[in-house]
Amino acid sequence: MSTSITIGSLRFEFDDDWKPLCQWDEHPAYKNGLRHSSGDKAVDIVGIRSDCLYFIEVKDYRVSVRQKESQHLEEFEKKVVGTVAGLVGAHRGEQYPDLCKPVVATMTTPSRRMVVVYWVELPETERIPDVTRRQRRKSRSSIRTQEGKGRLHWLRARYLLADKAEQDENEVIPGLRVFHQPGSGRPPAVPAGTPS
């Protein structure tokens, strides 16, 4: 039986090999820990599959206003830092051992892999035909991946830029299926009085 986590208008379904797995920014270890004490932010999903630790941050520009990419990468980096700190703090406090103990053990074991995923869904207007989409995505992904790696080099993790189309095509994250929720993908409402 799979585990489902909904982030905004996206439903992430993880197979049974994901253990432990949680929506970290909603988990009590984060909400009653680091967020409560310092207000630091956290990534959306934390999970382990086949001895590989994943931190997944989701941005859905189909339903939210898009800002400068550099601002989002800075925010993403802060969320990763906050997640690492929150997990270590909860582990040291011997809280939520089902989650924190295996995650911190994976983080601190050099032979185990870590993958930091920046999941970005773009609006329909920014999507391009399938033929050129793959080529553009590869070049854009390569540039963003290099920038992400530069910002997160201290973590010694693999950095991935992903979206639903890429996951459907190549299964970039094993054991994961992603679905757009019904009625999703609508652009954000423009406040009254805003010039169009």
N, C-alpha and C. Protein backbone atom coordinates (compact mmCIF):
# COMPACT_ATOMS: atom_id res chain seq x y z
N MET A 1 0.83 -1.18 0.00
CA MET A 1 0.00 0.00 0.00
C MET A 1 0.88 1.25 0.00
N SER A 2 0.58 2.21 -0.87
CA SER A 2 1.41 3.40 -0.99
C SER A 2 1.01 4.45 0.05
N THR A 3 1.92 5.40 0.27
CA THR A 3 1.66 6.53 1.16
C THR A 3 1.50 7.76 0.29
N SER A 4 0.45 8.53 0.56
CA SER A 4 0.14 9.70 -0.24
C SER A 4 0.37 10.97 0.58
N ILE A 5 1.06 11.94 -0.01
CA ILE A 5 1.28 13.25 0.60
C ILE A 5 0.85 14.29 -0.41
N THR A 6 -0.05 15.19 0.00
CA THR A 6 -0.53 16.24 -0.89
C THR A 6 0.12 17.56 -0.50
N ILE A 7 0.75 18.19 -1.48
CA ILE A 7 1.35 19.51 -1.31
C ILE A 7 0.66 20.43 -2.31
N GLY A 8 -0.16 21.31 -1.82
CA GLY A 8 -0.90 22.21 -2.71
C GLY A 8 -1.78 21.42 -3.65
N SER A 9 -1.54 21.57 -4.95
CA SER A 9 -2.37 20.88 -5.94
C SER A 9 -1.71 19.63 -6.50
N LEU A 10 -0.66 19.14 -5.84
CA LEU A 10 0.04 17.94 -6.29
C LEU A 10 -0.09 16.84 -5.25
N ARG A 11 -0.36 15.62 -5.70
CA ARG A 11 -0.42 14.45 -4.82
C ARG A 11 0.77 13.56 -5.14
N PHE A 12 1.61 13.33 -4.15
CA PHE A 12 2.80 12.48 -4.29
C PHE A 12 2.47 11.13 -3.67
N GLU A 13 2.57 10.06 -4.46
CA GLU A 13 2.32 8.71 -3.95
C GLU A 13 3.63 7.93 -3.94
N PHE A 14 4.03 7.53 -2.74
CA PHE A 14 5.28 6.82 -2.52
C PHE A 14 5.00 5.35 -2.28
N ASP A 15 5.80 4.46 -2.88
CA ASP A 15 5.58 3.03 -2.68
C ASP A 15 6.02 2.60 -1.28
N ASP A 16 5.83 1.34 -0.97
CA ASP A 16 6.09 0.83 0.38
C ASP A 16 7.56 0.81 0.76
N ASP A 17 8.45 1.00 -0.20
CA ASP A 17 9.88 0.98 0.12
C ASP A 17 10.35 2.29 0.75
N TRP A 18 9.48 3.29 0.83
CA TRP A 18 9.82 4.57 1.48
C TRP A 18 9.53 4.46 2.98
N LYS A 19 10.60 4.29 3.76
CA LYS A 19 10.45 4.20 5.22
C LYS A 19 11.72 4.72 5.87
N PRO A 20 11.63 5.67 6.75
CA PRO A 20 10.47 6.47 7.10
C PRO A 20 10.17 7.51 6.02
N LEU A 21 8.99 8.12 6.13
CA LEU A 21 8.55 9.12 5.17
C LEU A 21 7.58 10.06 5.87
N CYS A 22 7.73 11.37 5.65
CA CYS A 22 6.78 12.30 6.26
C CYS A 22 6.75 13.63 5.52
N GLN A 23 5.67 14.35 5.74
CA GLN A 23 5.60 15.73 5.30
C GLN A 23 6.26 16.53 6.42
N TRP A 24 7.54 16.82 6.26
CA TRP A 24 8.36 17.35 7.35
C TRP A 24 7.88 18.71 7.84
N ASP A 25 7.47 19.61 6.95
CA ASP A 25 7.06 20.93 7.41
C ASP A 25 5.73 20.92 8.16
N GLU A 26 5.08 19.74 8.22
CA GLU A 26 3.85 19.57 9.02
C GLU A 26 4.07 18.61 10.20
N HIS A 27 5.26 18.05 10.32
CA HIS A 27 5.55 17.06 11.35
C HIS A 27 5.73 17.74 12.71
N PRO A 28 5.23 17.13 13.80
CA PRO A 28 5.38 17.73 15.13
C PRO A 28 6.84 17.98 15.54
N ALA A 29 7.76 17.15 15.08
CA ALA A 29 9.17 17.36 15.42
C ALA A 29 9.66 18.70 14.89
N TYR A 30 9.16 19.11 13.75
CA TYR A 30 9.52 20.42 13.20
C TYR A 30 8.66 21.52 13.82
N LYS A 31 7.34 21.30 13.84
CA LYS A 31 6.43 22.36 14.30
C LYS A 31 6.65 22.72 15.77
N ASN A 32 6.96 21.72 16.60
CA ASN A 32 7.19 21.98 18.03
C ASN A 32 8.67 22.18 18.34
N GLY A 33 9.50 22.05 17.33
CA GLY A 33 10.94 22.17 17.54
C GLY A 33 11.49 23.45 16.95
N LEU A 34 12.20 23.33 15.84
CA LEU A 34 12.91 24.47 15.25
C LEU A 34 11.98 25.60 14.84
N ARG A 35 10.84 25.29 14.23
CA ARG A 35 9.93 26.36 13.82
C ARG A 35 9.40 27.12 15.04
N HIS A 36 9.12 26.37 16.07
CA HIS A 36 8.59 26.98 17.30
C HIS A 36 9.62 27.90 17.96
N SER A 37 10.90 27.49 17.94
CA SER A 37 11.92 28.26 18.65
C SER A 37 12.54 29.37 17.81
N SER A 38 12.73 29.15 16.51
CA SER A 38 13.43 30.17 15.71
C SER A 38 12.66 30.61 14.47
N GLY A 39 11.59 29.89 14.12
CA GLY A 39 10.83 30.26 12.94
C GLY A 39 11.48 29.84 11.64
N ASP A 40 12.57 29.07 11.70
CA ASP A 40 13.23 28.62 10.47
C ASP A 40 12.28 27.78 9.63
N LYS A 41 12.50 27.82 8.33
CA LYS A 41 11.65 27.08 7.40
C LYS A 41 12.21 25.68 7.16
N ALA A 42 11.41 24.85 6.49
CA ALA A 42 11.81 23.46 6.26
C ALA A 42 11.31 22.99 4.90
N VAL A 43 11.93 21.93 4.38
CA VAL A 43 11.48 21.35 3.12
C VAL A 43 10.14 20.65 3.34
N ASP A 44 9.46 20.33 2.24
CA ASP A 44 8.13 19.73 2.33
C ASP A 44 8.16 18.26 2.75
N ILE A 45 9.06 17.47 2.15
CA ILE A 45 9.02 16.02 2.35
C ILE A 45 10.42 15.51 2.70
N VAL A 46 10.47 14.60 3.68
CA VAL A 46 11.70 13.90 4.04
C VAL A 46 11.39 12.42 4.03
N GLY A 47 12.25 11.64 3.37
CA GLY A 47 12.03 10.21 3.34
C GLY A 47 13.28 9.44 2.95
N ILE A 48 13.27 8.15 3.27
CA ILE A 48 14.39 7.26 2.92
C ILE A 48 13.84 6.14 2.05
N ARG A 49 14.56 5.87 0.98
CA ARG A 49 14.25 4.71 0.14
C ARG A 49 15.56 4.03 -0.25
N SER A 50 15.67 2.76 0.04
CA SER A 50 16.88 1.98 -0.28
C SER A 50 18.14 2.65 0.25
N ASP A 51 18.14 3.00 1.51
CA ASP A 51 19.29 3.64 2.17
C ASP A 51 19.69 4.97 1.54
N CYS A 52 18.79 5.61 0.81
CA CYS A 52 19.06 6.92 0.23
C CYS A 52 18.07 7.92 0.86
N LEU A 53 18.60 9.00 1.41
CA LEU A 53 17.77 10.02 2.06
C LEU A 53 17.39 11.09 1.04
N TYR A 54 16.12 11.45 1.00
CA TYR A 54 15.61 12.48 0.10
C TYR A 54 15.02 13.64 0.90
N PHE A 55 15.40 14.86 0.52
CA PHE A 55 14.74 16.08 0.95
C PHE A 55 14.06 16.63 -0.29
N ILE A 56 12.75 16.83 -0.24
CA ILE A 56 12.01 17.30 -1.42
C ILE A 56 11.27 18.60 -1.08
N GLU A 57 11.57 19.64 -1.84
CA GLU A 57 10.88 20.93 -1.72
C GLU A 57 10.05 21.13 -2.98
N VAL A 58 8.78 21.50 -2.82
CA VAL A 58 7.85 21.61 -3.95
C VAL A 58 7.44 23.06 -4.17
N LYS A 59 7.56 23.51 -5.42
CA LYS A 59 7.05 24.82 -5.85
C LYS A 59 6.13 24.58 -7.03
N ASP A 60 4.90 25.06 -6.94
CA ASP A 60 3.94 24.89 -8.03
C ASP A 60 3.57 26.27 -8.57
N TYR A 61 4.27 26.68 -9.62
CA TYR A 61 4.03 28.00 -10.21
C TYR A 61 2.78 28.02 -11.08
N ARG A 62 2.10 26.88 -11.17
CA ARG A 62 0.82 26.86 -11.88
C ARG A 62 -0.25 27.54 -11.03
N VAL A 63 -0.05 27.55 -9.73
CA VAL A 63 -1.06 28.11 -8.84
C VAL A 63 -0.52 29.20 -7.91
N SER A 64 0.76 29.53 -8.01
CA SER A 64 1.31 30.60 -7.17
C SER A 64 2.15 31.53 -8.04
N VAL A 65 2.29 32.76 -7.59
CA VAL A 65 3.04 33.75 -8.34
C VAL A 65 4.51 33.40 -8.33
N ARG A 66 5.14 33.51 -9.47
CA ARG A 66 6.55 33.16 -9.60
C ARG A 66 7.43 34.36 -9.30
N GLN A 67 8.46 34.13 -8.50
CA GLN A 67 9.42 35.17 -8.19
C GLN A 67 10.73 34.89 -8.91
N LYS A 68 11.73 35.74 -8.68
CA LYS A 68 13.03 35.51 -9.29
C LYS A 68 13.59 34.17 -8.82
N GLU A 69 14.20 33.45 -9.75
CA GLU A 69 14.75 32.12 -9.43
C GLU A 69 15.78 32.19 -8.32
N SER A 70 16.62 33.24 -8.33
CA SER A 70 17.66 33.34 -7.31
C SER A 70 17.07 33.44 -5.91
N GLN A 71 15.92 34.14 -5.78
CA GLN A 71 15.26 34.24 -4.48
C GLN A 71 14.80 32.87 -4.01
N HIS A 72 14.26 32.08 -4.94
CA HIS A 72 13.78 30.75 -4.57
C HIS A 72 14.92 29.82 -4.21
N LEU A 73 16.03 29.92 -4.90
CA LEU A 73 17.17 29.06 -4.57
C LEU A 73 17.73 29.42 -3.20
N GLU A 74 17.76 30.70 -2.86
CA GLU A 74 18.20 31.10 -1.52
C GLU A 74 17.24 30.56 -0.46
N GLU A 75 15.94 30.69 -0.72
CA GLU A 75 14.93 30.18 0.21
C GLU A 75 15.04 28.65 0.33
N PHE A 76 15.26 27.99 -0.80
CA PHE A 76 15.42 26.53 -0.82
C PHE A 76 16.60 26.12 0.05
N GLU A 77 17.72 26.82 -0.11
CA GLU A 77 18.90 26.50 0.68
C GLU A 77 18.61 26.67 2.17
N LYS A 78 17.91 27.74 2.54
CA LYS A 78 17.57 27.96 3.95
C LYS A 78 16.66 26.85 4.47
N LYS A 79 15.76 26.37 3.63
CA LYS A 79 14.86 25.28 4.05
C LYS A 79 15.64 23.99 4.28
N VAL A 80 16.63 23.72 3.44
CA VAL A 80 17.46 22.53 3.63
C VAL A 80 18.24 22.65 4.93
N VAL A 81 18.84 23.82 5.17
CA VAL A 81 19.60 24.05 6.40
C VAL A 81 18.68 23.88 7.62
N GLY A 82 17.48 24.48 7.56
CA GLY A 82 16.53 24.35 8.66
C GLY A 82 16.09 22.92 8.89
N THR A 83 15.95 22.16 7.82
CA THR A 83 15.54 20.76 7.93
C THR A 83 16.63 19.93 8.61
N VAL A 84 17.87 20.11 8.16
CA VAL A 84 18.98 19.39 8.77
C VAL A 84 19.05 19.71 10.27
N ALA A 85 18.99 21.00 10.61
CA ALA A 85 19.08 21.42 12.01
C ALA A 85 17.91 20.86 12.83
N GLY A 86 16.70 20.92 12.27
CA GLY A 86 15.53 20.43 12.99
C GLY A 86 15.58 18.93 13.25
N LEU A 87 16.03 18.18 12.26
CA LEU A 87 16.13 16.73 12.42
C LEU A 87 17.19 16.35 13.45
N VAL A 88 18.34 17.02 13.39
CA VAL A 88 19.40 16.73 14.36
C VAL A 88 18.95 17.10 15.77
N GLY A 89 18.29 18.26 15.91
CA GLY A 89 17.81 18.68 17.22
C GLY A 89 16.79 17.71 17.80
N ALA A 90 15.84 17.28 16.97
CA ALA A 90 14.82 16.33 17.44
C ALA A 90 15.47 14.99 17.79
N HIS A 91 16.46 14.57 17.02
CA HIS A 91 17.17 13.32 17.30
C HIS A 91 17.91 13.41 18.64
N ARG A 92 18.59 14.53 18.86
CA ARG A 92 19.34 14.70 20.11
C ARG A 92 18.40 14.74 21.31
N GLY A 93 17.19 15.25 21.10
CA GLY A 93 16.19 15.27 22.17
C GLY A 93 15.45 13.95 22.28
N GLU A 94 15.88 12.97 21.50
CA GLU A 94 15.28 11.63 21.48
C GLU A 94 13.78 11.70 21.21
N GLN A 95 13.41 12.61 20.31
CA GLN A 95 12.02 12.73 19.91
C GLN A 95 11.80 12.00 18.60
N TYR A 96 10.64 11.43 18.42
CA TYR A 96 10.22 10.80 17.18
C TYR A 96 11.32 9.89 16.60
N PRO A 97 11.76 8.89 17.37
CA PRO A 97 12.86 8.04 16.92
C PRO A 97 12.56 7.27 15.63
N ASP A 98 11.26 6.99 15.35
CA ASP A 98 10.93 6.27 14.11
C ASP A 98 11.39 7.05 12.88
N LEU A 99 11.37 8.36 12.97
CA LEU A 99 11.78 9.21 11.86
C LEU A 99 13.21 9.71 12.04
N CYS A 100 13.47 10.34 13.16
CA CYS A 100 14.73 11.06 13.33
C CYS A 100 15.96 10.16 13.39
N LYS A 101 15.86 9.02 14.08
CA LYS A 101 17.03 8.14 14.21
C LYS A 101 17.53 7.63 12.86
N PRO A 102 16.67 7.05 11.98
CA PRO A 102 17.19 6.57 10.70
C PRO A 102 17.61 7.71 9.76
N VAL A 103 16.93 8.85 9.84
CA VAL A 103 17.29 9.97 8.96
C VAL A 103 18.66 10.53 9.35
N VAL A 104 18.87 10.77 10.64
CA VAL A 104 20.16 11.31 11.09
C VAL A 104 21.27 10.28 10.86
N ALA A 105 20.98 9.01 11.06
CA ALA A 105 21.99 7.97 10.79
C ALA A 105 22.40 7.98 9.32
N THR A 106 21.43 8.15 8.43
CA THR A 106 21.75 8.22 7.00
C THR A 106 22.54 9.48 6.68
N MET A 107 22.13 10.61 7.28
CA MET A 107 22.84 11.88 7.05
C MET A 107 24.30 11.80 7.47
N THR A 108 24.56 11.08 8.55
CA THR A 108 25.91 11.10 9.12
C THR A 108 26.77 9.90 8.72
N THR A 109 26.25 9.06 7.84
CA THR A 109 27.03 7.92 7.35
C THR A 109 27.52 8.23 5.94
N PRO A 110 28.83 8.49 5.78
CA PRO A 110 29.35 8.91 4.48
C PRO A 110 29.05 7.96 3.31
N SER A 111 28.89 6.68 3.60
CA SER A 111 28.66 5.73 2.51
C SER A 111 27.21 5.76 2.01
N ARG A 112 26.32 6.41 2.73
CA ARG A 112 24.91 6.47 2.31
C ARG A 112 24.68 7.73 1.49
N ARG A 113 23.73 7.62 0.57
CA ARG A 113 23.47 8.73 -0.35
C ARG A 113 22.40 9.67 0.18
N MET A 114 22.52 10.94 -0.21
CA MET A 114 21.50 11.94 0.05
C MET A 114 21.16 12.62 -1.26
N VAL A 115 19.87 12.89 -1.47
CA VAL A 115 19.42 13.59 -2.67
C VAL A 115 18.52 14.74 -2.23
N VAL A 116 18.87 15.94 -2.69
CA VAL A 116 18.08 17.13 -2.41
C VAL A 116 17.32 17.47 -3.69
N VAL A 117 15.98 17.48 -3.61
CA VAL A 117 15.15 17.64 -4.81
C VAL A 117 14.39 18.96 -4.75
N TYR A 118 14.52 19.73 -5.80
CA TYR A 118 13.75 20.96 -5.96
C TYR A 118 12.71 20.66 -7.04
N TRP A 119 11.46 20.43 -6.60
CA TRP A 119 10.37 20.02 -7.49
C TRP A 119 9.64 21.28 -7.95
N VAL A 120 9.69 21.58 -9.27
CA VAL A 120 9.13 22.82 -9.79
C VAL A 120 8.16 22.52 -10.92
N GLU A 121 6.89 22.91 -10.72
CA GLU A 121 5.88 22.80 -11.77
C GLU A 121 5.67 24.19 -12.39
N LEU A 122 5.75 24.26 -13.71
CA LEU A 122 5.60 25.54 -14.43
C LEU A 122 4.20 25.68 -14.99
N PRO A 123 3.72 26.93 -15.16
CA PRO A 123 2.40 27.14 -15.76
C PRO A 123 2.38 26.73 -17.23
N GLU A 124 1.18 26.49 -17.73
CA GLU A 124 0.97 26.06 -19.12
C GLU A 124 1.65 27.01 -20.10
N THR A 125 1.61 28.30 -19.83
CA THR A 125 2.19 29.30 -20.74
C THR A 125 3.70 29.18 -20.88
N GLU A 126 4.36 28.56 -19.90
CA GLU A 126 5.81 28.40 -19.96
C GLU A 126 6.23 27.02 -20.45
N ARG A 127 5.24 26.15 -20.66
CA ARG A 127 5.57 24.82 -21.18
C ARG A 127 5.84 24.92 -22.67
N ILE A 128 6.63 24.05 -23.16
CA ILE A 128 7.02 24.07 -24.57
C ILE A 128 6.75 22.72 -25.20
N PRO A 129 6.69 22.66 -26.55
CA PRO A 129 6.40 21.38 -27.21
C PRO A 129 7.36 20.27 -26.76
N ASP A 130 6.84 19.03 -26.77
CA ASP A 130 7.61 17.88 -26.28
C ASP A 130 8.99 17.75 -26.91
N VAL A 131 9.11 18.02 -28.20
CA VAL A 131 10.39 17.81 -28.89
C VAL A 131 11.47 18.71 -28.31
N THR A 132 11.16 20.00 -28.17
CA THR A 132 12.17 20.91 -27.64
C THR A 132 12.16 20.96 -26.12
N ARG A 133 11.07 20.52 -25.52
CA ARG A 133 10.96 20.57 -24.06
C ARG A 133 12.08 19.79 -23.39
N ARG A 134 12.35 18.60 -23.91
CA ARG A 134 13.40 17.77 -23.31
C ARG A 134 14.76 18.45 -23.40
N GLN A 135 15.06 19.02 -24.59
CA GLN A 135 16.36 19.67 -24.76
C GLN A 135 16.48 20.89 -23.86
N ARG A 136 15.43 21.73 -23.84
CA ARG A 136 15.46 22.93 -23.00
C ARG A 136 15.51 22.57 -21.53
N ARG A 137 14.74 21.55 -21.14
CA ARG A 137 14.72 21.16 -19.75
C ARG A 137 16.10 20.70 -19.31
N LYS A 138 16.76 19.93 -20.19
CA LYS A 138 18.10 19.45 -19.84
C LYS A 138 19.06 20.61 -19.65
N SER A 139 19.04 21.60 -20.56
CA SER A 139 19.98 22.71 -20.42
C SER A 139 19.61 23.59 -19.23
N ARG A 140 18.32 23.89 -19.05
CA ARG A 140 17.89 24.70 -17.90
C ARG A 140 18.16 23.96 -16.60
N SER A 141 17.86 22.66 -16.61
CA SER A 141 18.09 21.84 -15.43
C SER A 141 19.57 21.81 -15.07
N SER A 142 20.42 21.71 -16.09
CA SER A 142 21.85 21.66 -15.86
C SER A 142 22.35 22.94 -15.20
N ILE A 143 21.87 24.09 -15.69
CA ILE A 143 22.27 25.38 -15.11
C ILE A 143 21.80 25.49 -13.68
N ARG A 144 20.52 25.19 -13.44
CA ARG A 144 19.97 25.28 -12.08
C ARG A 144 20.62 24.27 -11.15
N THR A 145 20.89 23.09 -11.68
CA THR A 145 21.52 22.06 -10.86
C THR A 145 22.90 22.52 -10.42
N GLN A 146 23.67 23.12 -11.34
CA GLN A 146 25.00 23.61 -10.98
C GLN A 146 24.91 24.68 -9.90
N GLU A 147 23.93 25.60 -10.03
CA GLU A 147 23.77 26.65 -9.02
C GLU A 147 23.35 26.03 -7.69
N GLY A 148 22.42 25.08 -7.74
CA GLY A 148 21.99 24.41 -6.51
C GLY A 148 23.13 23.67 -5.85
N LYS A 149 23.93 22.97 -6.65
CA LYS A 149 25.08 22.25 -6.10
C LYS A 149 26.04 23.21 -5.42
N GLY A 150 26.24 24.38 -6.05
CA GLY A 150 27.14 25.37 -5.47
C GLY A 150 26.67 25.85 -4.11
N ARG A 151 25.37 26.06 -3.99
CA ARG A 151 24.80 26.56 -2.73
C ARG A 151 24.79 25.48 -1.65
N LEU A 152 24.63 24.22 -2.05
CA LEU A 152 24.47 23.14 -1.07
C LEU A 152 25.66 22.18 -1.05
N HIS A 153 26.82 22.63 -1.53
CA HIS A 153 27.98 21.74 -1.61
C HIS A 153 28.39 21.19 -0.24
N TRP A 154 28.14 21.96 0.81
CA TRP A 154 28.53 21.56 2.17
C TRP A 154 27.84 20.28 2.62
N LEU A 155 26.67 19.99 2.01
CA LEU A 155 25.88 18.83 2.43
C LEU A 155 26.38 17.53 1.80
N ARG A 156 27.17 17.65 0.74
CA ARG A 156 27.69 16.48 0.01
C ARG A 156 26.54 15.59 -0.47
N ALA A 157 25.50 16.24 -1.01
CA ALA A 157 24.33 15.52 -1.50
C ALA A 157 24.21 15.71 -3.01
N ARG A 158 23.49 14.81 -3.64
CA ARG A 158 23.15 14.97 -5.05
C ARG A 158 21.98 15.95 -5.14
N TYR A 159 22.02 16.83 -6.11
CA TYR A 159 20.97 17.85 -6.27
C TYR A 159 20.18 17.54 -7.53
N LEU A 160 18.84 17.51 -7.42
CA LEU A 160 17.98 17.23 -8.56
C LEU A 160 16.94 18.31 -8.75
N LEU A 161 16.71 18.69 -9.99
CA LEU A 161 15.59 19.54 -10.35
C LEU A 161 14.60 18.62 -11.05
N ALA A 162 13.34 18.59 -10.59
CA ALA A 162 12.37 17.63 -11.15
C ALA A 162 11.01 18.28 -11.32
N ASP A 163 10.17 17.64 -12.13
CA ASP A 163 8.76 18.00 -12.27
C ASP A 163 7.98 16.75 -12.67
N LYS A 164 6.67 16.88 -12.73
CA LYS A 164 5.82 15.73 -13.02
C LYS A 164 6.14 15.13 -14.39
N ALA A 165 6.32 15.97 -15.41
CA ALA A 165 6.60 15.46 -16.76
C ALA A 165 7.88 14.63 -16.78
N GLU A 166 8.91 15.13 -16.11
CA GLU A 166 10.19 14.40 -16.05
C GLU A 166 10.03 13.09 -15.29
N GLN A 167 9.29 13.12 -14.18
CA GLN A 167 9.08 11.92 -13.38
C GLN A 167 8.30 10.87 -14.17
N ASP A 168 7.27 11.31 -14.91
CA ASP A 168 6.48 10.39 -15.73
C ASP A 168 7.33 9.75 -16.81
N GLU A 169 8.26 10.53 -17.35
CA GLU A 169 9.08 10.07 -18.48
C GLU A 169 10.25 9.18 -18.05
N ASN A 170 10.93 9.56 -16.97
CA ASN A 170 12.18 8.89 -16.60
C ASN A 170 12.23 8.29 -15.20
N GLU A 171 11.19 8.48 -14.40
CA GLU A 171 11.21 8.08 -12.99
C GLU A 171 12.53 8.52 -12.33
N VAL A 172 12.71 9.84 -12.24
CA VAL A 172 13.93 10.38 -11.65
C VAL A 172 14.03 10.06 -10.16
N ILE A 173 12.88 9.88 -9.50
CA ILE A 173 12.86 9.47 -8.10
C ILE A 173 12.15 8.12 -8.04
N PRO A 174 12.86 7.05 -7.69
CA PRO A 174 12.25 5.72 -7.69
C PRO A 174 11.11 5.59 -6.69
N GLY A 175 10.11 4.82 -7.09
CA GLY A 175 9.00 4.52 -6.20
C GLY A 175 8.07 5.68 -5.94
N LEU A 176 8.03 6.65 -6.85
CA LEU A 176 7.19 7.83 -6.67
C LEU A 176 6.33 8.05 -7.91
N ARG A 177 5.04 8.30 -7.67
CA ARG A 177 4.13 8.73 -8.74
C ARG A 177 3.51 10.05 -8.30
N VAL A 178 3.32 10.96 -9.25
CA VAL A 178 2.80 12.29 -8.93
C VAL A 178 1.57 12.56 -9.77
N PHE A 179 0.57 13.16 -9.13
CA PHE A 179 -0.69 13.46 -9.81
C PHE A 179 -1.07 14.91 -9.57
N HIS A 180 -1.57 15.55 -10.63
CA HIS A 180 -2.16 16.88 -10.46
C HIS A 180 -3.56 16.66 -9.92
N GLN A 181 -3.90 17.38 -8.88
CA GLN A 181 -5.23 17.26 -8.30
C GLN A 181 -6.27 17.88 -9.23
N PRO A 182 -7.50 17.37 -9.23
CA PRO A 182 -8.55 17.96 -10.08
C PRO A 182 -8.70 19.45 -9.81
N GLY A 183 -8.82 20.19 -10.91
CA GLY A 183 -9.00 21.64 -10.79
C GLY A 183 -7.71 22.39 -10.53
N SER A 184 -6.56 21.68 -10.53
CA SER A 184 -5.29 22.36 -10.29
C SER A 184 -4.79 22.97 -11.59
N GLY A 185 -3.78 23.77 -11.47
CA GLY A 185 -3.16 24.36 -12.63
C GLY A 185 -3.76 25.69 -13.04
N ARG A 186 -4.72 26.19 -12.23
CA ARG A 186 -5.28 27.50 -12.53
C ARG A 186 -4.32 28.58 -12.09
N PRO A 187 -4.20 29.66 -12.87
CA PRO A 187 -3.32 30.74 -12.44
C PRO A 187 -3.87 31.42 -11.21
N PRO A 188 -3.00 32.06 -10.40
CA PRO A 188 -3.49 32.73 -9.20
C PRO A 188 -4.41 33.89 -9.58
N ALA A 189 -5.37 34.17 -8.71
CA ALA A 189 -6.29 35.28 -8.96
C ALA A 189 -5.52 36.59 -8.86
N VAL A 190 -5.87 37.54 -9.74
CA VAL A 190 -5.25 38.86 -9.71
C VAL A 190 -6.12 39.75 -8.82
N PRO A 191 -5.54 40.38 -7.79
CA PRO A 191 -6.35 41.22 -6.91
C PRO A 191 -7.01 42.34 -7.67
N ALA A 192 -8.21 42.75 -7.23
CA ALA A 192 -8.94 43.83 -7.88
C ALA A 192 -8.10 45.10 -7.87
N GLY A 193 -8.16 45.84 -8.98
CA GLY A 193 -7.42 47.09 -9.08
C GLY A 193 -6.00 46.92 -9.56
N THR A 194 -5.55 45.67 -9.78
CA THR A 194 -4.21 45.42 -10.29
C THR A 194 -4.21 45.55 -11.80
N PRO A 195 -3.29 46.37 -12.36
CA PRO A 195 -3.26 46.47 -13.81
C PRO A 195 -2.90 45.16 -14.47
N SER A 196 -3.54 44.82 -15.59
CA SER A 196 -3.23 43.54 -16.24
C SER A 196 -2.30 43.73 -17.40
